[in-house]
Amino acid sequence: MSMNDKMVVVLRRQFEPTVEMLKNLIGVCPDDFWMDAKQKYWKHIFHATTSMKFWFRQQKDEEFKIPDFGKDVTEDLDKEVL
C-alpha cells in the first residue's frame, strides 16, 4: 500500500464519522431552533458543508463558487420570524 493510499484510509476513518455527526446534528435540530435568527445554527451547517465542497473539489485551480440555491437563502434565514 502506497503512502497516498494509507493517507486516504486514515482521512476516511476521520472524515466519515464527522459527516455522520453533521447529518445527525441536522436531523435532531428542532425546527424552531433551526429557524431562530438569533441562534444562527444554520450558519454553522452551511459553513461546514460549503467548506467541505471547497476543500474536496477536484481541480484546485478552478474558481470556487458558493452553491447557488436559486435565491439568497442566507438573507432569508437571517430574518427573524415574528
Protein backbone atom coordinates (compact mmCIF):
# COMPACT_ATOMS: atom_id res chain seq x y z
CA MET A 1 0.00 0.00 0.00
CA SER A 2 1.44 3.35 -1.03
CA MET A 3 1.76 6.32 1.33
CA ASN A 4 -1.08 8.05 -0.55
CA ASP A 5 -3.34 5.03 -0.07
CA LYS A 6 -2.52 4.97 3.64
CA MET A 7 -3.37 8.65 3.94
CA VAL A 8 -6.72 8.08 2.23
CA VAL A 9 -7.52 5.30 4.71
CA VAL A 10 -6.62 7.50 7.69
CA LEU A 11 -8.52 10.51 6.38
CA ARG A 12 -11.59 8.42 5.58
CA ARG A 13 -11.56 6.96 9.08
CA GLN A 14 -11.71 10.52 10.45
CA PHE A 15 -13.93 12.16 7.85
CA GLU A 16 -16.76 9.64 7.59
CA PRO A 17 -17.74 9.84 11.29
CA THR A 18 -17.55 13.63 11.08
CA VAL A 19 -20.02 13.72 8.18
CA GLU A 20 -22.27 11.26 10.01
CA MET A 21 -22.23 13.50 13.08
CA LEU A 22 -23.11 16.52 10.93
CA LYS A 23 -26.05 14.61 9.43
CA ASN A 24 -27.22 13.70 12.94
CA LEU A 25 -26.97 17.32 14.09
CA ILE A 26 -29.15 18.39 11.18
CA GLY A 27 -31.64 15.60 11.85
CA VAL A 28 -32.14 16.24 15.57
CA CYS A 29 -32.24 20.03 15.45
CA PRO A 30 -35.77 21.26 16.24
CA ASP A 31 -37.28 23.48 13.52
CA ASP A 32 -37.77 26.41 15.88
CA PHE A 33 -34.09 26.36 16.85
CA TRP A 34 -33.02 25.92 13.21
CA MET A 35 -35.06 28.93 12.15
CA ASP A 36 -34.17 31.09 15.17
CA ALA A 37 -32.32 34.04 13.61
CA LYS A 38 -30.56 34.76 16.91
CA GLN A 39 -29.04 31.25 17.15
CA LYS A 40 -27.80 31.12 13.55
CA TYR A 41 -27.47 27.33 13.82
CA TRP A 42 -27.97 27.05 10.09
CA LYS A 43 -24.84 29.17 9.50
CA HIS A 44 -22.64 26.57 11.18
CA ILE A 45 -24.10 23.83 8.99
CA PHE A 46 -23.82 25.98 5.86
CA HIS A 47 -20.20 26.82 6.71
CA ALA A 48 -19.29 23.17 7.31
CA THR A 49 -20.86 21.90 4.09
CA THR A 50 -19.55 24.75 1.95
CA SER A 51 -16.06 24.23 3.38
CA MET A 52 -16.21 20.53 2.51
CA LYS A 53 -17.20 21.43 -1.04
CA PHE A 54 -14.27 23.87 -1.20
CA TRP A 55 -11.58 21.54 0.19
CA PHE A 56 -12.68 18.44 -1.71
CA ARG A 57 -13.10 19.97 -5.15
CA GLN A 58 -11.27 18.07 -7.86
CA GLN A 59 -9.49 20.94 -9.58
CA LYS A 60 -7.69 23.09 -7.01
CA ASP A 61 -7.06 25.85 -9.53
CA GLU A 62 -10.72 26.21 -10.54
CA GLU A 63 -12.61 29.17 -9.15
CA PHE A 64 -14.72 28.23 -6.16
CA LYS A 65 -18.30 29.45 -6.07
CA ILE A 66 -20.58 29.18 -3.08
CA PRO A 67 -23.53 26.93 -4.01
CA ASP A 68 -26.42 28.79 -5.60
CA PHE A 69 -29.80 27.72 -4.25
CA GLY A 70 -31.73 29.89 -6.69
CA LYS A 71 -32.10 32.77 -4.27
CA ASP A 72 -30.25 34.36 -1.40
CA VAL A 73 -31.03 31.72 1.20
CA THR A 74 -28.69 33.26 3.73
CA GLU A 75 -30.55 36.56 3.63
CA ASP A 76 -33.89 34.80 4.19
CA LEU A 77 -32.56 32.74 7.07
CA ASP A 78 -31.15 35.82 8.79
CA LYS A 79 -34.60 37.36 9.04
CA GLU A 80 -36.31 36.99 12.38
CA VAL A 81 -39.70 35.31 12.24
CA LEU A 82 -42.25 37.12 14.37
